[in-house]
PDB file of N, CA and C in Angstrom:
ATOM      1  N   MET A   1      -0.527   4.734  -8.714  1.00  0.00           N
ATOM      2  CA  MET A   1      -1.515   4.703  -9.763  1.00  0.00           C
ATOM      3  C   MET A   1      -0.842   5.002 -11.098  1.00  0.00           C
ATOM      4  N   GLU A   2      -1.242   4.284 -12.089  1.00  0.00           N
ATOM      5  CA  GLU A   2      -0.692   4.475 -13.430  1.00  0.00           C
ATOM      6  C   GLU A   2      -0.947   5.890 -13.951  1.00  0.00           C
ATOM      7  N   SER A   3      -2.100   6.470 -13.582  1.00  0.00           N
ATOM      8  CA  SER A   3      -2.474   7.782 -14.101  1.00  0.00           C
ATOM      9  C   SER A   3      -1.688   8.917 -13.450  1.00  0.00           C
ATOM     10  N   GLY A   4      -1.090   8.663 -12.282  1.00  0.00           N
ATOM     11  CA  GLY A   4      -0.390   9.713 -11.558  1.00  0.00           C
ATOM     12  C   GLY A   4      -1.297  10.520 -10.645  1.00  0.00           C
ATOM     13  N   ARG A   5      -2.603  10.223 -10.659  1.00  0.00           N
ATOM     14  CA  ARG A   5      -3.543  10.938  -9.792  1.00  0.00           C
ATOM     15  C   ARG A   5      -3.302  10.548  -8.338  1.00  0.00           C
ATOM     16  N   LYS A   6      -3.624  11.453  -7.436  1.00  0.00           N
ATOM     17  CA  LYS A   6      -3.493  11.191  -6.006  1.00  0.00           C
ATOM     18  C   LYS A   6      -4.881  11.053  -5.394  1.00  0.00           C
ATOM     19  N   PHE A   7      -4.994  10.149  -4.431  1.00  0.00           N
ATOM     20  CA  PHE A   7      -6.259   9.887  -3.767  1.00  0.00           C
ATOM     21  C   PHE A   7      -6.056   9.921  -2.261  1.00  0.00           C
ATOM     22  N   ASP A   8      -7.110  10.294  -1.516  1.00  0.00           N
ATOM     23  CA  ASP A   8      -7.049  10.333  -0.058  1.00  0.00           C
ATOM     24  C   ASP A   8      -7.164   8.941   0.545  1.00  0.00           C
ATOM     25  N   ARG A   9      -7.824   8.029  -0.162  1.00  0.00           N
ATOM     26  CA  ARG A   9      -8.074   6.687   0.358  1.00  0.00           C
ATOM     27  C   ARG A   9      -7.835   5.663  -0.739  1.00  0.00           C
ATOM     28  N   GLY A  10      -7.629   4.420  -0.293  1.00  0.00           N
ATOM     29  CA  GLY A  10      -7.468   3.322  -1.234  1.00  0.00           C
ATOM     30  C   GLY A  10      -8.100   2.068  -0.662  1.00  0.00           C
ATOM     31  N   CYS A  11      -8.353   1.104  -1.512  1.00  0.00           N
ATOM     32  CA  CYS A  11      -8.970  -0.147  -1.096  1.00  0.00           C
ATOM     33  C   CYS A  11      -7.937  -1.265  -1.200  1.00  0.00           C
ATOM     34  N   ILE A  12      -7.878  -2.103  -0.189  1.00  0.00           N
ATOM     35  CA  ILE A  12      -6.943  -3.221  -0.174  1.00  0.00           C
ATOM     36  C   ILE A  12      -7.462  -4.305  -1.119  1.00  0.00           C
ATOM     37  N   ALA A  13      -6.610  -4.740  -2.037  1.00  0.00           N
ATOM     38  CA  ALA A  13      -6.991  -5.775  -3.008  1.00  0.00           C
ATOM     39  C   ALA A  13      -5.993  -6.920  -2.952  1.00  0.00           C
ATOM     40  N   TYR A  14      -6.427  -8.063  -3.372  1.00  0.00           N
ATOM     41  CA  TYR A  14      -5.568  -9.247  -3.443  1.00  0.00           C
ATOM     42  C   TYR A  14      -4.846  -9.236  -4.781  1.00  0.00           C
ATOM     43  N   VAL A  15      -3.504  -9.287  -4.759  1.00  0.00           N
ATOM     44  CA  VAL A  15      -2.757  -9.241  -6.009  1.00  0.00           C
ATOM     45  C   VAL A  15      -2.255 -10.616  -6.448  1.00  0.00           C
ATOM     46  N   GLY A  16      -2.279 -11.597  -5.578  1.00  0.00           N
ATOM     47  CA  GLY A  16      -1.936 -12.959  -5.960  1.00  0.00           C
ATOM     48  C   GLY A  16      -0.471 -13.322  -5.834  1.00  0.00           C
ATOM     49  N   TYR A  17       0.368 -12.389  -5.393  1.00  0.00           N
ATOM     50  CA  TYR A  17       1.780 -12.717  -5.189  1.00  0.00           C
ATOM     51  C   TYR A  17       2.369 -11.815  -4.116  1.00  0.00           C
ATOM     52  N   HIS A  18       3.512 -12.233  -3.601  1.00  0.00           N
ATOM     53  CA  HIS A  18       4.200 -11.499  -2.540  1.00  0.00           C
ATOM     54  C   HIS A  18       4.784 -10.202  -3.116  1.00  0.00           C
ATOM     55  N   VAL A  19       4.527  -9.076  -2.456  1.00  0.00           N
ATOM     56  CA  VAL A  19       5.036  -7.781  -2.893  1.00  0.00           C
ATOM     57  C   VAL A  19       6.156  -7.360  -1.954  1.00  0.00           C
ATOM     58  N   THR A  20       7.277  -6.928  -2.529  1.00  0.00           N
ATOM     59  CA  THR A  20       8.421  -6.496  -1.726  1.00  0.00           C
ATOM     60  C   THR A  20       8.660  -5.002  -1.927  1.00  0.00           C
ATOM     61  N   PRO A  21       9.354  -4.367  -0.975  1.00  0.00           N
ATOM     62  CA  PRO A  21       9.705  -2.953  -1.152  1.00  0.00           C
ATOM     63  C   PRO A  21      10.509  -2.716  -2.438  1.00  0.00           C
ATOM     64  N   ALA A  22      11.412  -3.627  -2.767  1.00  0.00           N
ATOM     65  CA  ALA A  22      12.220  -3.468  -3.982  1.00  0.00           C
ATOM     66  C   ALA A  22      11.334  -3.471  -5.228  1.00  0.00           C
ATOM     67  N   MET A  23      10.320  -4.343  -5.251  1.00  0.00           N
ATOM     68  CA  MET A  23       9.401  -4.390  -6.392  1.00  0.00           C
ATOM     69  C   MET A  23       8.652  -3.062  -6.525  1.00  0.00           C
ATOM     70  N   LEU A  24       8.213  -2.511  -5.406  1.00  0.00           N
ATOM     71  CA  LEU A  24       7.492  -1.238  -5.440  1.00  0.00           C
ATOM     72  C   LEU A  24       8.394  -0.112  -5.930  1.00  0.00           C
ATOM     73  N   LEU A  25       9.660  -0.136  -5.520  1.00  0.00           N
ATOM     74  CA  LEU A  25      10.599   0.900  -5.934  1.00  0.00           C
ATOM     75  C   LEU A  25      10.851   0.828  -7.447  1.00  0.00           C
ATOM     76  N   VAL A  26      10.946  -0.379  -7.978  1.00  0.00           N
ATOM     77  CA  VAL A  26      11.121  -0.545  -9.424  1.00  0.00           C
ATOM     78  C   VAL A  26       9.909   0.005 -10.167  1.00  0.00           C
ATOM     79  N   ARG A  27       8.695  -0.334  -9.686  1.00  0.00           N
ATOM     80  CA  ARG A  27       7.470   0.176 -10.328  1.00  0.00           C
ATOM     81  C   ARG A  27       7.411   1.697 -10.259  1.00  0.00           C
ATOM     82  N   PHE A  28       7.806   2.256  -9.111  1.00  0.00           N
ATOM     83  CA  PHE A  28       7.831   3.706  -8.942  1.00  0.00           C
ATOM     84  C   PHE A  28       8.776   4.334  -9.960  1.00  0.00           C
ATOM     85  N   GLY A  29       9.930   3.708 -10.161  1.00  0.00           N
ATOM     86  CA  GLY A  29      10.942   4.235 -11.067  1.00  0.00           C
ATOM     87  C   GLY A  29      10.546   4.208 -12.530  1.00  0.00           C
ATOM     88  N   CYS A  30       9.523   3.432 -12.856  1.00  0.00           N
ATOM     89  CA  CYS A  30       9.065   3.388 -14.254  1.00  0.00           C
ATOM     90  C   CYS A  30       8.446   4.708 -14.693  1.00  0.00           C
ATOM     91  N   LYS A  31       7.870   5.456 -13.769  1.00  0.00           N
ATOM     92  CA  LYS A  31       7.163   6.704 -14.122  1.00  0.00           C
ATOM     93  C   LYS A  31       7.731   7.939 -13.431  1.00  0.00           C
ATOM     94  N   ASN A  32       8.728   7.748 -12.525  1.00  0.00           N
ATOM     95  CA  ASN A  32       9.243   8.854 -11.731  1.00  0.00           C
ATOM     96  C   ASN A  32      10.766   8.834 -11.725  1.00  0.00           C
ATOM     97  N   PRO A  33      11.383   9.986 -11.428  1.00  0.00           N
ATOM     98  CA  PRO A  33      12.843   9.985 -11.277  1.00  0.00           C
ATOM     99  C   PRO A  33      13.233   9.198 -10.020  1.00  0.00           C
ATOM    100  N   PRO A  34      14.439   8.661  -9.961  1.00  0.00           N
ATOM    101  CA  PRO A  34      14.839   7.880  -8.785  1.00  0.00           C
ATOM    102  C   PRO A  34      14.860   8.755  -7.529  1.00  0.00           C
ATOM    103  N   PRO A  35      14.580   8.151  -6.356  1.00  0.00           N
ATOM    104  CA  PRO A  35      14.621   8.931  -5.111  1.00  0.00           C
ATOM    105  C   PRO A  35      16.053   9.377  -4.805  1.00  0.00           C
ATOM    106  N   ARG A  36      16.182  10.501  -4.102  1.00  0.00           N
ATOM    107  CA  ARG A  36      17.509  11.008  -3.734  1.00  0.00           C
ATOM    108  C   ARG A  36      18.229  10.058  -2.795  1.00  0.00           C
ATOM    109  N   ASN A  37      17.465   9.451  -1.880  1.00  0.00           N
ATOM    110  CA  ASN A  37      18.049   8.531  -0.903  1.00  0.00           C
ATOM    111  C   ASN A  37      17.346   7.187  -1.046  1.00  0.00           C
ATOM    112  N   GLU A  38      17.962   6.276  -1.790  1.00  0.00           N
ATOM    113  CA  GLU A  38      17.321   4.997  -2.078  1.00  0.00           C
ATOM    114  C   GLU A  38      17.133   4.150  -0.816  1.00  0.00           C
ATOM    115  N   LEU A  39      18.094   4.203   0.117  1.00  0.00           N
ATOM    116  CA  LEU A  39      17.960   3.426   1.359  1.00  0.00           C
ATOM    117  C   LEU A  39      16.746   3.885   2.164  1.00  0.00           C
ATOM    118  N   MET A  40      16.539   5.197   2.241  1.00  0.00           N
ATOM    119  CA  MET A  40      15.386   5.729   2.972  1.00  0.00           C
ATOM    120  C   MET A  40      14.086   5.345   2.260  1.00  0.00           C
ATOM    121  N   ALA A  41      14.100   5.386   0.938  1.00  0.00           N
ATOM    122  CA  ALA A  41      12.908   5.019   0.169  1.00  0.00           C
ATOM    123  C   ALA A  41      12.547   3.557   0.409  1.00  0.00           C
ATOM    124  N   VAL A  42      13.544   2.675   0.412  1.00  0.00           N
ATOM    125  CA  VAL A  42      13.286   1.256   0.657  1.00  0.00           C
ATOM    126  C   VAL A  42      12.753   1.044   2.070  1.00  0.00           C
ATOM    127  N   GLU A  43      13.280   1.765   3.046  1.00  0.00           N
ATOM    128  CA  GLU A  43      12.791   1.638   4.426  1.00  0.00           C
ATOM    129  C   GLU A  43      11.342   2.096   4.530  1.00  0.00           C
ATOM    130  N   ARG A  44      11.005   3.201   3.892  1.00  0.00           N
ATOM    131  CA  ARG A  44       9.610   3.676   3.906  1.00  0.00           C
ATOM    132  C   ARG A  44       8.684   2.659   3.256  1.00  0.00           C
ATOM    133  N   LEU A  45       9.132   2.094   2.149  1.00  0.00           N
ATOM    134  CA  LEU A  45       8.319   1.082   1.479  1.00  0.00           C
ATOM    135  C   LEU A  45       8.211  -0.191   2.311  1.00  0.00           C
ATOM    136  N   ARG A  46       9.264  -0.545   3.047  1.00  0.00           N
ATOM    137  CA  ARG A  46       9.219  -1.721   3.926  1.00  0.00           C
ATOM    138  C   ARG A  46       8.151  -1.533   5.006  1.00  0.00           C
ATOM    139  N   VAL A  47       8.112  -0.355   5.617  1.00  0.00           N
ATOM    140  CA  VAL A  47       7.115  -0.056   6.640  1.00  0.00           C
ATOM    141  C   VAL A  47       5.717  -0.072   6.022  1.00  0.00           C
ATOM    142  N   PHE A  48       5.590   0.453   4.821  1.00  0.00           N
ATOM    143  CA  PHE A  48       4.315   0.468   4.117  1.00  0.00           C
ATOM    144  C   PHE A  48       3.812  -0.955   3.859  1.00  0.00           C
ATOM    145  N   VAL A  49       4.682  -1.835   3.359  1.00  0.00           N
ATOM    146  CA  VAL A  49       4.300  -3.220   3.079  1.00  0.00           C
ATOM    147  C   VAL A  49       3.890  -3.927   4.364  1.00  0.00           C
ATOM    148  N   LEU A  50       4.623  -3.703   5.464  1.00  0.00           N
ATOM    149  CA  LEU A  50       4.243  -4.307   6.750  1.00  0.00           C
ATOM    150  C   LEU A  50       2.877  -3.820   7.208  1.00  0.00           C
ATOM    151  N   ALA A  51       2.607  -2.526   7.030  1.00  0.00           N
ATOM    152  CA  ALA A  51       1.304  -1.977   7.419  1.00  0.00           C
ATOM    153  C   ALA A  51       0.190  -2.576   6.566  1.00  0.00           C
ATOM    154  N   LEU A  52       0.450  -2.809   5.288  1.00  0.00           N
ATOM    155  CA  LEU A  52      -0.564  -3.411   4.414  1.00  0.00           C
ATOM    156  C   LEU A  52      -0.928  -4.820   4.868  1.00  0.00           C
ATOM    157  N   LYS A  53       0.068  -5.555   5.368  1.00  0.00           N
ATOM    158  CA  LYS A  53      -0.178  -6.935   5.805  1.00  0.00           C
ATOM    159  C   LYS A  53      -1.168  -6.993   6.967  1.00  0.00           C
ATOM    160  N   ALA A  54      -1.265  -5.916   7.738  1.00  0.00           N
ATOM    161  CA  ALA A  54      -2.187  -5.879   8.874  1.00  0.00           C
ATOM    162  C   ALA A  54      -3.623  -5.565   8.440  1.00  0.00           C
ATOM    163  N   CYS A  55      -3.796  -5.161   7.189  1.00  0.00           N
ATOM    164  CA  CYS A  55      -5.120  -4.810   6.681  1.00  0.00           C
ATOM    165  C   CYS A  55      -5.759  -6.011   5.993  1.00  0.00           C
ATOM    166  N   LYS A  56      -7.075  -6.020   5.958  1.00  0.00           N
ATOM    167  CA  LYS A  56      -7.816  -7.092   5.312  1.00  0.00           C
ATOM    168  C   LYS A  56      -8.242  -6.669   3.910  1.00  0.00           C
ATOM    169  N   ILE A  57      -8.378  -7.655   3.031  1.00  0.00           N
ATOM    170  CA  ILE A  57      -8.854  -7.403   1.678  1.00  0.00           C
ATOM    171  C   ILE A  57     -10.237  -6.749   1.745  1.00  0.00           C
ATOM    172  N   GLY A  58     -10.413  -5.674   0.978  1.00  0.00           N
ATOM    173  CA  GLY A  58     -11.687  -4.967   0.940  1.00  0.00           C
ATOM    174  C   GLY A  58     -11.744  -3.755   1.848  1.00  0.00           C
ATOM    175  N   ASN A  59     -10.825  -3.657   2.822  1.00  0.00           N
ATOM    176  CA  ASN A  59     -10.820  -2.491   3.702  1.00  0.00           C
ATOM    177  C   ASN A  59     -10.434  -1.236   2.925  1.00  0.00           C
ATOM    178  N   THR A  60     -11.012  -0.116   3.313  1.00  0.00           N
ATOM    179  CA  THR A  60     -10.630   1.177   2.775  1.00  0.00           C
ATOM    180  C   THR A  60      -9.677   1.819   3.769  1.00  0.00           C
ATOM    181  N   VAL A  61      -8.509   2.256   3.288  1.00  0.00           N
ATOM    182  CA  VAL A  61      -7.490   2.818   4.174  1.00  0.00           C
ATOM    183  C   VAL A  61      -7.061   4.197   3.690  1.00  0.00           C
ATOM    184  N   SER A  62      -6.559   4.990   4.635  1.00  0.00           N
ATOM    185  CA  SER A  62      -5.934   6.268   4.295  1.00  0.00           C
ATOM    186  C   SER A  62      -4.502   6.203   4.814  1.00  0.00           C
ATOM    187  N   ILE A  63      -3.680   7.081   4.301  1.00  0.00           N
ATOM    188  CA  ILE A  63      -2.272   7.078   4.688  1.00  0.00           C
ATOM    189  C   ILE A  63      -1.885   8.457   5.212  1.00  0.00           C
ATOM    190  N   SER A  64      -1.068   8.447   6.245  1.00  0.00           N
ATOM    191  CA  SER A  64      -0.446   9.665   6.748  1.00  0.00           C
ATOM    192  C   SER A  64       1.014   9.302   7.029  1.00  0.00           C
ATOM    193  N   TYR A  65       1.792  10.257   7.490  1.00  0.00           N
ATOM    194  CA  TYR A  65       3.219  10.011   7.672  1.00  0.00           C
ATOM    195  C   TYR A  65       3.688  10.513   9.030  1.00  0.00           C
ATOM    196  N   THR A  66       4.646   9.798   9.619  1.00  0.00           N
ATOM    197  CA  THR A  66       5.261  10.230  10.873  1.00  0.00           C
ATOM    198  C   THR A  66       6.195  11.405  10.562  1.00  0.00           C
ATOM    199  N   PRO A  67       6.673  12.110  11.596  1.00  0.00           N
ATOM    200  CA  PRO A  67       7.647  13.187  11.344  1.00  0.00           C
ATOM    201  C   PRO A  67       8.912  12.690  10.627  1.00  0.00           C
ATOM    202  N   ASP A  68       9.225  11.391  10.766  1.00  0.00           N
ATOM    203  CA  ASP A  68      10.384  10.814  10.081  1.00  0.00           C
ATOM    204  C   ASP A  68      10.073  10.422   8.645  1.00  0.00           C
ATOM    205  N   GLY A  69       8.833  10.611   8.213  1.00  0.00           N
ATOM    206  CA  GLY A  69       8.441  10.283   6.856  1.00  0.00           C
ATOM    207  C   GLY A  69       8.003   8.848   6.657  1.00  0.00           C
ATOM    208  N   LEU A  70       7.817   8.097   7.762  1.00  0.00           N
ATOM    209  CA  LEU A  70       7.360   6.720   7.640  1.00  0.00           C
ATOM    210  C   LEU A  70       5.842   6.696   7.509  1.00  0.00           C
ATOM    211  N   PRO A  71       5.314   5.812   6.674  1.00  0.00           N
ATOM    212  CA  PRO A  71       3.874   5.779   6.441  1.00  0.00           C
ATOM    213  C   PRO A  71       3.096   5.140   7.584  1.00  0.00           C
ATOM    214  N   LEU A  72       1.902   5.679   7.821  1.00  0.00           N
ATOM    215  CA  LEU A  72       0.950   5.123   8.786  1.00  0.00           C
ATOM    216  C   LEU A  72      -0.360   4.893   8.037  1.00  0.00           C
ATOM    217  N   LEU A  73      -0.868   3.670   8.082  1.00  0.00           N
ATOM    218  CA  LEU A  73      -2.142   3.376   7.445  1.00  0.00           C
ATOM    219  C   LEU A  73      -3.241   3.344   8.496  1.00  0.00           C
ATOM    220  N   LYS A  74      -4.380   3.913   8.163  1.00  0.00           N
ATOM    221  CA  LYS A  74      -5.529   3.920   9.053  1.00  0.00           C
ATOM    222  C   LYS A  74      -6.706   3.307   8.306  1.00  0.00           C
ATOM    223  N   VAL A  75      -7.334   2.300   8.918  1.00  0.00           N
ATOM    224  CA  VAL A  75      -8.507   1.683   8.301  1.00  0.00           C
ATOM    225  C   VAL A  75      -9.680   2.651   8.470  1.00  0.00           C
ATOM    226  N   GLU A  76     -10.205   3.120   7.348  1.00  0.00           N
ATOM    227  CA  GLU A  76     -11.321   4.060   7.358  1.00  0.00           C
ATOM    228  C   GLU A  76     -12.661   3.325   7.364  1.00  0.00           C
ATOM    229  N   GLN A  77     -12.688   2.199   6.678  1.00  0.00           N
ATOM    230  CA  GLN A  77     -13.921   1.417   6.607  1.00  0.00           C
ATOM    231  C   GLN A  77     -13.541  -0.050   6.444  1.00  0.00           C
ATOM    232  N   GLU A  78     -14.150  -0.904   7.281  1.00  0.00           N
ATOM    233  CA  GLU A  78     -13.892  -2.335   7.178  1.00  0.00           C
ATOM    234  C   GLU A  78     -14.908  -2.979   6.266  1.00  0.00           C
ATOM    235  N   TYR A  79     -14.434  -3.865   5.427  1.00  0.00           N
ATOM    236  CA  TYR A  79     -15.307  -4.603   4.529  1.00  0.00           C
ATOM    237  C   TYR A  79     -15.683  -5.907   5.205  1.00  0.00           C
ATOM    238  N   THR A  80     -16.953  -6.159   5.303  1.00  0.00           N
ATOM    239  CA  THR A  80     -17.413  -7.427   5.876  1.00  0.00           C
ATOM    240  C   THR A  80     -18.457  -8.030   4.955  1.00  0.00           C
ATOM    241  N   LEU A  81     -18.365  -9.331   4.769  1.00  0.00           N
ATOM    242  CA  LEU A  81     -19.362 -10.040   3.964  1.00  0.00           C
ATOM    243  C   LEU A  81     -20.588 -10.323   4.813  1.00  0.00           C
ATOM    244  N   THR A  82     -21.750 -10.097   4.260  1.00  0.00           N
ATOM    245  CA  THR A  82     -22.971 -10.415   4.993  1.00  0.00           C
ATOM    246  C   THR A  82     -23.285 -11.901   4.879  1.00  0.00           C
ATOM    247  N   GLU A  83     -22.795 -12.524   3.828  1.00  0.00           N
ATOM    248  CA  GLU A  83     -22.938 -13.973   3.662  1.00  0.00           C
ATOM    249  C   GLU A  83     -21.678 -14.505   2.995  1.00  0.00           C
ATOM    250  N   PRO A  84     -21.325 -15.747   3.220  1.00  0.00           N
ATOM    251  CA  PRO A  84     -20.086 -16.282   2.650  1.00  0.00           C
ATOM    252  C   PRO A  84     -20.057 -16.189   1.122  1.00  0.00           C
ATOM    253  N   ASN A  85     -18.873 -15.889   0.605  1.00  0.00           N
ATOM    254  CA  ASN A  85     -18.680 -15.809  -0.844  1.00  0.00           C
ATOM    255  C   ASN A  85     -17.559 -16.778  -1.201  1.00  0.00           C
ATOM    256  N   LYS A  86     -17.905 -17.874  -1.840  1.00  0.00           N
ATOM    257  CA  LYS A  86     -16.920 -18.913  -2.118  1.00  0.00           C
ATOM    258  C   LYS A  86     -15.935 -18.508  -3.217  1.00  0.00           C
ATOM    259  N   LYS A  87     -16.141 -17.391  -3.882  1.00  0.00           N
ATOM    260  CA  LYS A  87     -15.238 -16.947  -4.945  1.00  0.00           C
ATOM    261  C   LYS A  87     -14.007 -16.227  -4.392  1.00  0.00           C
ATOM    262  N   LEU A  88     -14.059 -15.736  -3.147  1.00  0.00           N
ATOM    263  CA  LEU A  88     -12.923 -15.033  -2.559  1.00  0.00           C
ATOM    264  C   LEU A  88     -11.848 -16.022  -2.125  1.00  0.00           C
ATOM    265  N   PRO A  89     -10.585 -15.605  -2.194  1.00  0.00           N
ATOM    266  CA  PRO A  89      -9.498 -16.506  -1.780  1.00  0.00           C
ATOM    267  C   PRO A  89      -9.500 -16.742  -0.275  1.00  0.00           C
TER     268      PRO A  89
END
């Protein structure tokens, strides 16, 4: 988040382009000091991006971490359309 605030949950949104761990690390570095172990940071972000791909747009997810520090996403609420919306991708 640009504001630096932390949240317990987030909503999956469509960004319109492929997101890579390297891109996320660059964005992180714009507002934060570089990670001590860049290889570990990229691996954590790689696992995070893979977990995001399993989620659907509109789902609300929370994040937790394994003992190794790898992220785990949990779908807290699934978003379902009650009727088709032709504006969605």
